[in-house]
């Protein structure tokens, strides 16, 4: 008998949205702020959903009162450092890391990914979609105990410049289960970095 999965989701909302020109987390797609869309889909799949951001007050009005906020302590240091901050605070076995600019996420598809986690060997430390162009780490799952491997990577590879840290390189160095990305999944994982990225059906 499999033990129940312990999964919590954290949405990253700490980027400066330079390519978008304004805060993309608050930009609406089909009438709903992108951050709220991601939050609602995650909440359909797991019980615990939090938002990591340095701007907690900015997002309170677009998220439910029940939303948990985590204060980002090192903003602007990139998603790997953000992941490390989250891993220091979670207690669930699996952390589901999400970007705030994924408005096309589909709960039924994501639920199959969550169910997949129970079947993974104990030595697998991450479960992440992988396309022909590489990993899609900001809709990926990470075991809590991967923290020590990430701390080592950040310490040994940053050389004082955390912006040089590569999610792609790190995932290639740890036992990672790859979720296949076909055309439909690629569309679901479409992220919005520029205003023109919002122009799709």
N, C-alpha and C. Protein backbone atom coordinates (compact mmCIF):
# COMPACT_ATOMS: atom_id res chain seq x y z
N UNK A 1 0.85 -1.20 0.00
CA UNK A 1 0.00 0.00 0.00
C UNK A 1 0.87 1.24 0.00
N UNK A 2 0.64 2.12 -0.97
CA UNK A 2 1.44 3.34 -1.08
C UNK A 2 1.01 4.34 -0.01
N UNK A 3 1.99 5.03 0.55
CA UNK A 3 1.66 6.08 1.50
C UNK A 3 1.17 7.31 0.74
N UNK A 4 0.29 8.11 1.36
CA UNK A 4 -0.23 9.29 0.68
C UNK A 4 0.90 10.25 0.31
N UNK A 5 0.76 10.86 -0.86
CA UNK A 5 1.76 11.82 -1.28
C UNK A 5 1.67 13.09 -0.44
N UNK A 6 2.82 13.66 -0.15
CA UNK A 6 2.90 14.92 0.58
C UNK A 6 3.50 15.95 -0.37
N UNK A 7 2.64 16.78 -0.96
CA UNK A 7 3.07 17.74 -2.00
C UNK A 7 2.54 19.12 -1.66
N UNK A 8 3.41 20.10 -1.71
CA UNK A 8 2.98 21.49 -1.58
C UNK A 8 3.48 22.27 -2.79
N UNK A 9 2.74 23.29 -3.17
CA UNK A 9 3.09 24.12 -4.33
C UNK A 9 3.55 25.50 -3.87
N UNK A 10 4.57 26.02 -4.55
CA UNK A 10 5.02 27.39 -4.32
C UNK A 10 5.17 28.07 -5.67
N UNK A 11 4.55 29.24 -5.79
CA UNK A 11 4.60 30.03 -7.02
C UNK A 11 5.61 31.15 -6.84
N UNK A 12 6.51 31.29 -7.80
CA UNK A 12 7.51 32.35 -7.75
C UNK A 12 6.95 33.62 -8.38
N UNK A 13 6.95 34.70 -7.62
CA UNK A 13 6.48 35.99 -8.13
C UNK A 13 7.44 37.08 -7.67
N UNK A 14 8.71 36.91 -8.04
CA UNK A 14 9.71 37.85 -7.58
C UNK A 14 10.54 38.47 -8.69
N UNK A 15 10.18 38.16 -9.95
CA UNK A 15 10.95 38.71 -11.06
C UNK A 15 10.61 40.17 -11.32
N UNK A 16 11.48 40.83 -12.07
CA UNK A 16 11.28 42.26 -12.35
C UNK A 16 10.53 42.51 -13.65
N UNK A 17 10.21 41.45 -14.41
CA UNK A 17 9.39 41.57 -15.62
C UNK A 17 9.96 42.60 -16.60
N UNK A 18 11.27 42.62 -16.75
CA UNK A 18 11.89 43.64 -17.61
C UNK A 18 11.44 43.51 -19.07
N UNK A 19 11.34 42.28 -19.56
CA UNK A 19 10.94 42.10 -20.97
C UNK A 19 9.46 42.43 -21.17
N UNK A 20 8.65 42.23 -20.14
CA UNK A 20 7.23 42.55 -20.24
C UNK A 20 6.99 44.05 -20.13
N UNK A 21 7.82 44.75 -19.37
CA UNK A 21 7.66 46.19 -19.21
C UNK A 21 6.81 46.59 -18.02
N UNK A 22 6.11 45.63 -17.45
CA UNK A 22 5.33 45.85 -16.23
C UNK A 22 5.15 44.52 -15.53
N UNK A 23 4.64 44.58 -14.33
CA UNK A 23 4.54 43.38 -13.50
C UNK A 23 3.65 42.32 -14.16
N UNK A 24 4.26 41.25 -14.65
CA UNK A 24 3.49 40.27 -15.39
C UNK A 24 2.57 39.44 -14.50
N UNK A 25 2.91 39.31 -13.23
CA UNK A 25 2.05 38.54 -12.34
C UNK A 25 0.65 39.14 -12.24
N UNK A 26 0.56 40.45 -12.40
CA UNK A 26 -0.72 41.15 -12.27
C UNK A 26 -1.43 41.35 -13.61
N UNK A 27 -0.77 41.03 -14.71
CA UNK A 27 -1.39 41.20 -16.03
C UNK A 27 -2.47 40.15 -16.22
N UNK A 28 -3.61 40.59 -16.73
CA UNK A 28 -4.74 39.69 -16.92
C UNK A 28 -4.65 38.92 -18.24
N UNK A 29 -5.03 37.69 -18.18
CA UNK A 29 -5.24 36.86 -19.38
C UNK A 29 -6.64 36.29 -19.26
N UNK A 30 -7.47 36.56 -20.26
CA UNK A 30 -8.89 36.19 -20.22
C UNK A 30 -9.56 36.73 -18.95
N UNK A 31 -9.17 37.95 -18.57
CA UNK A 31 -9.83 38.64 -17.47
C UNK A 31 -9.34 38.31 -16.08
N UNK A 32 -8.34 37.44 -15.97
CA UNK A 32 -7.86 37.01 -14.65
C UNK A 32 -6.34 37.25 -14.57
N UNK A 33 -5.84 37.88 -13.49
CA UNK A 33 -4.39 38.06 -13.35
C UNK A 33 -3.67 36.71 -13.47
N UNK A 34 -2.54 36.72 -14.15
CA UNK A 34 -1.84 35.45 -14.38
C UNK A 34 -1.48 34.75 -13.08
N UNK A 35 -1.04 35.51 -12.08
CA UNK A 35 -0.70 34.88 -10.81
C UNK A 35 -1.91 34.18 -10.21
N UNK A 36 -3.09 34.78 -10.31
CA UNK A 36 -4.30 34.16 -9.77
C UNK A 36 -4.66 32.90 -10.57
N UNK A 37 -4.46 32.93 -11.87
CA UNK A 37 -4.76 31.74 -12.68
C UNK A 37 -3.88 30.57 -12.24
N UNK A 38 -2.59 30.82 -12.07
CA UNK A 38 -1.68 29.76 -11.65
C UNK A 38 -2.05 29.28 -10.25
N UNK A 39 -2.36 30.21 -9.37
CA UNK A 39 -2.75 29.85 -8.01
C UNK A 39 -3.98 28.93 -8.02
N UNK A 40 -5.00 29.30 -8.78
CA UNK A 40 -6.25 28.53 -8.78
C UNK A 40 -6.03 27.11 -9.30
N UNK A 41 -5.22 26.97 -10.34
CA UNK A 41 -4.95 25.63 -10.87
C UNK A 41 -4.19 24.80 -9.85
N UNK A 42 -3.18 25.39 -9.23
CA UNK A 42 -2.41 24.67 -8.22
C UNK A 42 -3.30 24.25 -7.06
N UNK A 43 -4.20 25.14 -6.64
CA UNK A 43 -5.09 24.84 -5.52
C UNK A 43 -6.09 23.74 -5.86
N UNK A 44 -6.36 23.54 -7.15
CA UNK A 44 -7.22 22.43 -7.57
C UNK A 44 -6.51 21.09 -7.41
N UNK A 45 -5.17 21.12 -7.35
CA UNK A 45 -4.39 19.89 -7.36
C UNK A 45 -3.82 19.51 -5.99
N UNK A 46 -3.43 20.50 -5.19
CA UNK A 46 -2.82 20.23 -3.89
C UNK A 46 -3.43 21.15 -2.84
N UNK A 47 -3.34 20.73 -1.59
CA UNK A 47 -3.96 21.51 -0.51
C UNK A 47 -3.16 22.75 -0.14
N UNK A 48 -1.83 22.65 -0.18
CA UNK A 48 -0.99 23.75 0.27
C UNK A 48 -0.39 24.49 -0.92
N UNK A 49 -0.75 25.77 -1.06
CA UNK A 49 -0.21 26.61 -2.14
C UNK A 49 0.27 27.92 -1.52
N UNK A 50 1.50 28.29 -1.80
CA UNK A 50 2.07 29.53 -1.29
C UNK A 50 2.68 30.33 -2.42
N UNK A 51 2.90 31.60 -2.18
CA UNK A 51 3.54 32.49 -3.15
C UNK A 51 4.80 33.07 -2.51
N UNK A 52 5.93 32.88 -3.19
CA UNK A 52 7.19 33.47 -2.73
C UNK A 52 7.40 34.77 -3.48
N UNK A 53 7.49 35.86 -2.74
CA UNK A 53 7.61 37.18 -3.37
C UNK A 53 8.20 38.17 -2.38
N UNK A 54 8.91 39.19 -2.88
CA UNK A 54 9.32 40.28 -1.99
C UNK A 54 8.24 41.34 -1.84
N UNK A 55 7.12 41.17 -2.59
CA UNK A 55 6.07 42.20 -2.63
C UNK A 55 4.74 41.62 -2.18
N UNK A 56 4.68 41.19 -0.94
CA UNK A 56 3.48 40.52 -0.45
C UNK A 56 2.24 41.42 -0.54
N UNK A 57 2.35 42.67 -0.12
CA UNK A 57 1.19 43.55 -0.12
C UNK A 57 0.65 43.79 -1.53
N UNK A 58 1.52 43.74 -2.52
CA UNK A 58 1.11 43.98 -3.91
C UNK A 58 0.10 42.94 -4.39
N UNK A 59 0.23 41.72 -3.90
CA UNK A 59 -0.57 40.62 -4.44
C UNK A 59 -1.73 40.18 -3.55
N UNK A 60 -1.85 40.75 -2.36
CA UNK A 60 -2.93 40.32 -1.46
C UNK A 60 -4.30 40.48 -2.09
N UNK A 61 -4.50 41.58 -2.83
CA UNK A 61 -5.85 41.86 -3.33
C UNK A 61 -6.26 40.98 -4.49
N UNK A 62 -5.30 40.30 -5.16
CA UNK A 62 -5.67 39.45 -6.30
C UNK A 62 -5.66 37.97 -5.94
N UNK A 63 -5.36 37.65 -4.69
CA UNK A 63 -5.32 36.26 -4.26
C UNK A 63 -6.28 36.05 -3.08
N UNK A 64 -6.74 34.83 -2.87
CA UNK A 64 -7.67 34.58 -1.77
C UNK A 64 -7.03 34.89 -0.41
N UNK A 65 -7.86 35.18 0.57
CA UNK A 65 -7.36 35.45 1.91
C UNK A 65 -6.61 34.25 2.49
N UNK A 66 -6.97 33.06 2.01
CA UNK A 66 -6.33 31.85 2.51
C UNK A 66 -4.93 31.62 1.94
N UNK A 67 -4.53 32.43 0.96
CA UNK A 67 -3.22 32.25 0.33
C UNK A 67 -2.10 32.45 1.35
N UNK A 68 -1.14 31.54 1.32
CA UNK A 68 0.04 31.68 2.16
C UNK A 68 1.10 32.49 1.39
N UNK A 69 1.75 33.41 2.06
CA UNK A 69 2.83 34.16 1.45
C UNK A 69 4.14 33.84 2.15
N UNK A 70 5.19 33.71 1.36
CA UNK A 70 6.54 33.54 1.88
C UNK A 70 7.36 34.75 1.45
N UNK A 71 7.98 35.41 2.40
CA UNK A 71 8.78 36.59 2.09
C UNK A 71 10.08 36.17 1.43
N UNK A 72 10.30 36.66 0.21
CA UNK A 72 11.55 36.35 -0.49
C UNK A 72 12.68 37.17 0.13
N UNK A 73 13.71 36.50 0.60
CA UNK A 73 14.78 37.18 1.33
C UNK A 73 15.94 37.59 0.44
N UNK A 74 16.03 37.00 -0.75
CA UNK A 74 17.11 37.35 -1.67
C UNK A 74 16.53 37.60 -3.06
N UNK A 75 15.70 38.64 -3.21
CA UNK A 75 15.06 38.88 -4.51
C UNK A 75 16.09 39.19 -5.60
N UNK A 76 15.73 38.80 -6.82
CA UNK A 76 16.58 39.10 -7.96
C UNK A 76 17.76 38.18 -8.13
N UNK A 77 17.80 37.08 -7.36
CA UNK A 77 18.94 36.18 -7.44
C UNK A 77 18.70 34.98 -8.34
N UNK A 78 17.55 34.93 -8.98
CA UNK A 78 17.27 33.85 -9.91
C UNK A 78 16.48 32.71 -9.28
N UNK A 79 15.89 31.85 -10.13
CA UNK A 79 14.98 30.81 -9.64
C UNK A 79 15.65 29.71 -8.83
N UNK A 80 16.93 29.41 -9.09
CA UNK A 80 17.59 28.38 -8.28
C UNK A 80 17.75 28.83 -6.84
N UNK A 81 18.13 30.07 -6.64
CA UNK A 81 18.25 30.60 -5.28
C UNK A 81 16.88 30.68 -4.64
N UNK A 82 15.85 31.03 -5.43
CA UNK A 82 14.49 31.06 -4.89
C UNK A 82 14.06 29.67 -4.45
N UNK A 83 14.38 28.66 -5.26
CA UNK A 83 14.06 27.28 -4.89
C UNK A 83 14.74 26.90 -3.58
N UNK A 84 15.97 27.30 -3.43
CA UNK A 84 16.70 26.98 -2.20
C UNK A 84 16.03 27.63 -0.99
N UNK A 85 15.57 28.87 -1.15
CA UNK A 85 14.86 29.54 -0.05
C UNK A 85 13.60 28.79 0.34
N UNK A 86 12.89 28.28 -0.67
CA UNK A 86 11.65 27.56 -0.39
C UNK A 86 11.93 26.22 0.28
N UNK A 87 12.94 25.51 -0.19
CA UNK A 87 13.26 24.20 0.37
C UNK A 87 13.64 24.30 1.85
N UNK A 88 14.11 25.46 2.26
CA UNK A 88 14.45 25.66 3.67
C UNK A 88 13.22 25.78 4.55
N UNK A 89 12.04 25.97 3.94
CA UNK A 89 10.84 26.26 4.72
C UNK A 89 9.74 25.21 4.61
N UNK A 90 9.81 24.34 3.60
CA UNK A 90 8.73 23.38 3.41
C UNK A 90 8.94 22.13 4.25
N UNK A 91 7.83 21.47 4.57
CA UNK A 91 7.90 20.23 5.34
C UNK A 91 7.39 19.03 4.55
N UNK A 92 6.71 19.26 3.44
CA UNK A 92 6.22 18.16 2.63
C UNK A 92 7.36 17.48 1.87
N UNK A 93 7.12 16.23 1.50
CA UNK A 93 8.17 15.48 0.81
C UNK A 93 8.50 16.08 -0.55
N UNK A 94 7.46 16.52 -1.27
CA UNK A 94 7.65 17.08 -2.60
C UNK A 94 7.25 18.55 -2.63
N UNK A 95 8.05 19.34 -3.32
CA UNK A 95 7.74 20.74 -3.58
C UNK A 95 7.45 20.89 -5.07
N UNK A 96 6.32 21.48 -5.38
CA UNK A 96 5.95 21.77 -6.76
C UNK A 96 6.24 23.24 -7.01
N UNK A 97 7.24 23.51 -7.82
CA UNK A 97 7.68 24.88 -8.09
C UNK A 97 7.03 25.37 -9.37
N UNK A 98 6.43 26.56 -9.30
CA UNK A 98 5.69 27.11 -10.43
C UNK A 98 6.08 28.56 -10.69
N UNK A 99 6.16 28.91 -11.97
CA UNK A 99 6.30 30.31 -12.35
C UNK A 99 4.92 30.96 -12.31
N UNK A 100 4.90 32.28 -12.21
CA UNK A 100 3.62 33.00 -12.13
C UNK A 100 3.07 33.33 -13.51
N UNK A 101 3.80 32.99 -14.58
CA UNK A 101 3.40 33.41 -15.93
C UNK A 101 3.05 32.22 -16.82
N UNK A 102 2.30 31.28 -16.26
CA UNK A 102 1.87 30.08 -16.99
C UNK A 102 0.34 30.03 -17.03
N UNK A 103 -0.31 30.90 -17.81
CA UNK A 103 -1.76 31.01 -17.75
C UNK A 103 -2.53 29.85 -18.36
N UNK A 104 -1.84 28.94 -19.07
CA UNK A 104 -2.56 27.86 -19.75
C UNK A 104 -2.46 26.52 -19.02
N UNK A 105 -2.04 26.53 -17.78
CA UNK A 105 -1.94 25.28 -17.03
C UNK A 105 -3.31 24.59 -16.95
N UNK A 106 -3.29 23.26 -17.00
CA UNK A 106 -4.51 22.47 -16.97
C UNK A 106 -4.44 21.49 -15.80
N UNK A 107 -5.34 21.65 -14.85
CA UNK A 107 -5.32 20.83 -13.64
C UNK A 107 -5.37 19.33 -13.92
N UNK A 108 -6.20 18.83 -14.86
CA UNK A 108 -6.24 17.38 -15.08
C UNK A 108 -4.89 16.80 -15.51
N UNK A 109 -4.19 17.53 -16.38
CA UNK A 109 -2.87 17.07 -16.82
C UNK A 109 -1.89 17.08 -15.66
N UNK A 110 -1.90 18.17 -14.91
CA UNK A 110 -0.97 18.31 -13.79
C UNK A 110 -1.24 17.27 -12.70
N UNK A 111 -2.49 16.91 -12.53
CA UNK A 111 -2.81 15.89 -11.53
C UNK A 111 -2.19 14.55 -11.88
N UNK A 112 -2.12 14.23 -13.17
CA UNK A 112 -1.46 12.98 -13.57
C UNK A 112 0.03 13.03 -13.25
N UNK A 113 0.63 14.21 -13.33
CA UNK A 113 2.04 14.34 -12.97
C UNK A 113 2.23 14.14 -11.47
N UNK A 114 1.33 14.68 -10.69
CA UNK A 114 1.40 14.52 -9.23
C UNK A 114 1.24 13.05 -8.86
N UNK A 115 0.29 12.38 -9.51
CA UNK A 115 0.09 10.96 -9.23
C UNK A 115 1.33 10.15 -9.59
N UNK A 116 2.06 10.58 -10.58
CA UNK A 116 3.27 9.89 -11.03
C UNK A 116 4.35 9.86 -9.94
N UNK A 117 4.35 10.86 -9.07
CA UNK A 117 5.39 10.98 -8.05
C UNK A 117 5.43 9.75 -7.13
N UNK A 118 4.27 9.18 -6.85
CA UNK A 118 4.20 8.03 -5.95
C UNK A 118 4.90 6.80 -6.52
N UNK A 119 5.10 6.78 -7.82
CA UNK A 119 5.69 5.61 -8.48
C UNK A 119 7.20 5.74 -8.67
N UNK A 120 7.76 6.89 -8.31
CA UNK A 120 9.18 7.12 -8.57
C UNK A 120 10.05 6.43 -7.52
N UNK A 121 11.21 5.92 -7.94
CA UNK A 121 12.16 5.34 -6.97
C UNK A 121 12.62 6.39 -5.96
N UNK A 122 13.04 5.94 -4.80
CA UNK A 122 13.44 6.85 -3.74
C UNK A 122 14.64 7.70 -4.11
N UNK A 123 15.47 7.22 -5.06
CA UNK A 123 16.67 7.98 -5.38
C UNK A 123 16.41 9.11 -6.37
N UNK A 124 15.22 9.18 -6.94
CA UNK A 124 14.89 10.27 -7.86
C UNK A 124 14.59 11.52 -7.05
N UNK A 125 15.27 12.60 -7.35
CA UNK A 125 15.17 13.83 -6.56
C UNK A 125 14.33 14.92 -7.21
N UNK A 126 14.00 14.74 -8.48
CA UNK A 126 13.19 15.74 -9.17
C UNK A 126 12.40 15.06 -10.27
N UNK A 127 11.27 15.66 -10.61
CA UNK A 127 10.42 15.19 -11.70
C UNK A 127 10.00 16.43 -12.48
N UNK A 128 10.52 16.56 -13.70
CA UNK A 128 10.43 17.84 -14.41
C UNK A 128 10.10 17.59 -15.89
N UNK A 129 9.20 18.39 -16.48
CA UNK A 129 8.95 18.28 -17.92
C UNK A 129 10.23 18.57 -18.71
N UNK A 130 10.41 17.82 -19.80
CA UNK A 130 11.58 18.05 -20.63
C UNK A 130 11.19 18.02 -22.10
N UNK A 131 11.47 19.13 -22.79
CA UNK A 131 11.19 19.25 -24.22
C UNK A 131 12.49 19.08 -24.99
N UNK A 132 12.41 19.22 -26.29
CA UNK A 132 13.62 19.12 -27.12
C UNK A 132 14.62 20.21 -26.78
N UNK A 133 14.13 21.34 -26.31
CA UNK A 133 15.03 22.46 -26.00
C UNK A 133 15.57 22.41 -24.57
N UNK A 134 15.09 21.47 -23.77
CA UNK A 134 15.63 21.35 -22.41
C UNK A 134 14.55 21.21 -21.37
N UNK A 135 14.97 21.27 -20.12
CA UNK A 135 14.07 21.13 -18.99
C UNK A 135 13.15 22.35 -18.87
N UNK A 136 11.96 22.12 -18.30
CA UNK A 136 11.00 23.18 -17.97
C UNK A 136 10.89 23.21 -16.45
N UNK A 137 11.88 23.77 -15.76
CA UNK A 137 11.99 23.60 -14.30
C UNK A 137 10.97 24.36 -13.49
N UNK A 138 10.30 25.36 -14.08
CA UNK A 138 9.36 26.17 -13.30
C UNK A 138 7.92 25.66 -13.39
N UNK A 139 7.82 24.37 -13.71
CA UNK A 139 6.59 23.61 -13.48
C UNK A 139 7.05 22.19 -13.13
N UNK A 140 7.98 22.12 -12.17
CA UNK A 140 8.61 20.86 -11.82
C UNK A 140 8.44 20.53 -10.34
N UNK A 141 8.77 19.29 -10.02
CA UNK A 141 8.61 18.77 -8.66
C UNK A 141 9.98 18.39 -8.10
N UNK A 142 10.22 18.75 -6.84
CA UNK A 142 11.53 18.56 -6.22
C UNK A 142 11.35 17.96 -4.83
N UNK A 143 12.07 16.85 -4.57
CA UNK A 143 12.02 16.27 -3.23
C UNK A 143 12.69 17.23 -2.24
N UNK A 144 12.16 17.28 -1.04
CA UNK A 144 12.70 18.19 -0.03
C UNK A 144 14.17 17.91 0.23
N UNK A 145 14.57 16.64 0.19
CA UNK A 145 15.95 16.31 0.52
C UNK A 145 16.94 16.66 -0.59
N UNK A 146 16.45 17.21 -1.71
CA UNK A 146 17.37 17.68 -2.75
C UNK A 146 18.09 18.95 -2.30
N UNK A 147 17.65 19.51 -1.19
CA UNK A 147 18.21 20.78 -0.71
C UNK A 147 19.73 20.74 -0.59
N UNK A 148 20.27 19.67 -0.02
CA UNK A 148 21.72 19.60 0.18
C UNK A 148 22.47 19.61 -1.15
N UNK A 149 21.90 18.94 -2.16
CA UNK A 149 22.53 18.93 -3.48
C UNK A 149 22.49 20.32 -4.11
N UNK A 150 21.41 21.03 -3.88
CA UNK A 150 21.30 22.39 -4.43
C UNK A 150 22.23 23.35 -3.71
N UNK A 151 22.32 23.22 -2.40
CA UNK A 151 23.25 24.06 -1.64
C UNK A 151 24.67 23.87 -2.15
N UNK A 152 25.04 22.64 -2.39
CA UNK A 152 26.38 22.34 -2.89
C UNK A 152 26.61 22.95 -4.27
N UNK A 153 25.60 22.82 -5.13
CA UNK A 153 25.70 23.37 -6.48
C UNK A 153 25.85 24.88 -6.44
N UNK A 154 25.02 25.56 -5.65
CA UNK A 154 25.08 27.02 -5.55
C UNK A 154 26.43 27.46 -5.00
N UNK A 155 26.92 26.74 -4.01
CA UNK A 155 28.20 27.10 -3.40
C UNK A 155 29.37 26.91 -4.38
N UNK A 156 29.35 25.81 -5.10
CA UNK A 156 30.50 25.46 -5.94
C UNK A 156 30.47 26.10 -7.32
N UNK A 157 29.29 26.47 -7.81
CA UNK A 157 29.17 26.91 -9.20
C UNK A 157 28.92 28.39 -9.38
N UNK A 158 28.51 29.09 -8.32
CA UNK A 158 28.14 30.49 -8.52
C UNK A 158 29.35 31.40 -8.67
N UNK A 159 30.47 31.05 -8.01
CA UNK A 159 31.66 31.90 -8.05
C UNK A 159 31.33 33.35 -7.71
N UNK A 160 30.43 33.50 -6.75
CA UNK A 160 30.05 34.84 -6.31
C UNK A 160 29.01 35.51 -7.18
N UNK A 161 28.60 34.87 -8.28
CA UNK A 161 27.61 35.46 -9.19
C UNK A 161 26.48 34.45 -9.39
N UNK A 162 25.42 34.58 -8.59
CA UNK A 162 24.33 33.60 -8.66
C UNK A 162 23.59 33.67 -9.98
N UNK A 163 23.69 34.78 -10.71
CA UNK A 163 23.02 34.87 -12.00
C UNK A 163 23.61 33.89 -13.01
N UNK A 164 24.78 33.37 -12.73
CA UNK A 164 25.41 32.41 -13.64
C UNK A 164 24.91 31.00 -13.42
N UNK A 165 24.12 30.79 -12.36
CA UNK A 165 23.64 29.46 -12.04
C UNK A 165 22.62 29.00 -13.07
N UNK A 166 22.76 27.76 -13.51
CA UNK A 166 21.90 27.22 -14.56
C UNK A 166 21.04 26.09 -14.02
N UNK A 167 19.72 26.26 -14.12
CA UNK A 167 18.80 25.19 -13.76
C UNK A 167 19.05 23.97 -14.64
N UNK A 168 19.30 24.23 -15.93
CA UNK A 168 19.53 23.13 -16.87
C UNK A 168 20.73 22.29 -16.45
N UNK A 169 21.80 22.94 -16.05
CA UNK A 169 23.01 22.23 -15.64
C UNK A 169 22.78 21.45 -14.35
N UNK A 170 22.08 22.08 -13.40
CA UNK A 170 21.85 21.41 -12.13
C UNK A 170 21.00 20.16 -12.30
N UNK A 171 19.93 20.26 -13.08
CA UNK A 171 19.06 19.10 -13.28
C UNK A 171 19.78 17.96 -13.99
N UNK A 172 20.76 18.30 -14.81
CA UNK A 172 21.54 17.26 -15.49
C UNK A 172 22.46 16.53 -14.52
N UNK A 173 22.68 17.11 -13.35
CA UNK A 173 23.61 16.53 -12.38
C UNK A 173 22.94 15.73 -11.28
N UNK A 174 21.61 15.79 -11.20
CA UNK A 174 20.90 15.05 -10.14
C UNK A 174 19.96 14.04 -10.79
N UNK A 175 19.56 13.00 -10.04
CA UNK A 175 18.61 12.02 -10.60
C UNK A 175 17.25 12.67 -10.83
N UNK A 176 16.91 12.88 -12.10
CA UNK A 176 15.69 13.60 -12.46
C UNK A 176 14.84 12.75 -13.40
N UNK A 177 13.59 12.59 -13.07
CA UNK A 177 12.63 11.91 -13.93
C UNK A 177 12.09 12.91 -14.93
N UNK A 178 12.16 12.59 -16.21
CA UNK A 178 11.74 13.51 -17.26
C UNK A 178 10.30 13.23 -17.69
N UNK A 179 9.46 14.24 -17.63
CA UNK A 179 8.10 14.16 -18.15
C UNK A 179 8.14 14.59 -19.61
N UNK A 180 7.70 13.72 -20.51
CA UNK A 180 7.76 14.02 -21.94
C UNK A 180 6.85 15.20 -22.28
N UNK A 181 7.34 16.07 -23.14
CA UNK A 181 6.60 17.26 -23.56
C UNK A 181 6.27 17.14 -25.04
N UNK A 182 5.00 16.89 -25.36
CA UNK A 182 4.57 16.90 -26.75
C UNK A 182 4.03 18.29 -27.09
N UNK A 183 3.42 18.43 -28.26
CA UNK A 183 2.96 19.76 -28.70
C UNK A 183 1.89 20.31 -27.76
N UNK A 184 0.99 19.43 -27.30
CA UNK A 184 -0.08 19.89 -26.41
C UNK A 184 0.48 20.37 -25.08
N UNK A 185 1.42 19.61 -24.51
CA UNK A 185 2.02 20.01 -23.24
C UNK A 185 2.85 21.27 -23.41
N UNK A 186 3.55 21.38 -24.54
CA UNK A 186 4.34 22.60 -24.80
C UNK A 186 3.44 23.82 -24.81
N UNK A 187 2.25 23.70 -25.38
CA UNK A 187 1.30 24.81 -25.36
C UNK A 187 0.85 25.15 -23.95
N UNK A 188 0.62 24.11 -23.15
CA UNK A 188 0.20 24.34 -21.77
C UNK A 188 1.27 25.06 -20.97
N UNK A 189 2.54 24.78 -21.29
CA UNK A 189 3.66 25.38 -20.55
C UNK A 189 4.14 26.69 -21.16
N UNK A 190 3.37 27.20 -22.11
CA UNK A 190 3.72 28.49 -22.72
C UNK A 190 3.81 29.57 -21.64
N UNK A 191 4.98 30.17 -21.51
CA UNK A 191 5.13 31.22 -20.50
C UNK A 191 5.17 32.59 -21.18
N UNK A 192 4.76 33.59 -20.44
CA UNK A 192 4.56 34.93 -21.00
C UNK A 192 5.62 35.89 -20.45
N UNK A 193 6.63 36.16 -21.27
CA UNK A 193 7.68 37.08 -20.88
C UNK A 193 7.53 38.46 -21.53
N UNK A 194 6.80 38.50 -22.66
CA UNK A 194 6.60 39.75 -23.40
C UNK A 194 5.12 39.92 -23.66
N UNK A 195 4.71 41.14 -23.94
CA UNK A 195 3.29 41.39 -24.21
C UNK A 195 2.79 40.56 -25.37
N UNK A 196 3.61 40.36 -26.42
CA UNK A 196 3.17 39.57 -27.56
C UNK A 196 2.94 38.10 -27.21
N UNK A 197 3.55 37.65 -26.11
CA UNK A 197 3.33 36.26 -25.68
C UNK A 197 1.91 36.04 -25.19
N UNK A 198 1.19 37.11 -24.90
CA UNK A 198 -0.20 36.99 -24.45
C UNK A 198 -1.16 36.81 -25.62
N UNK A 199 -0.66 36.96 -26.82
CA UNK A 199 -1.52 36.89 -28.01
C UNK A 199 -1.51 35.48 -28.56
N UNK A 200 -2.24 34.60 -27.94
CA UNK A 200 -2.42 33.25 -28.47
C UNK A 200 -3.80 32.76 -28.14
N UNK A 201 -4.26 31.80 -28.88
CA UNK A 201 -5.62 31.29 -28.69
C UNK A 201 -5.66 30.34 -27.49
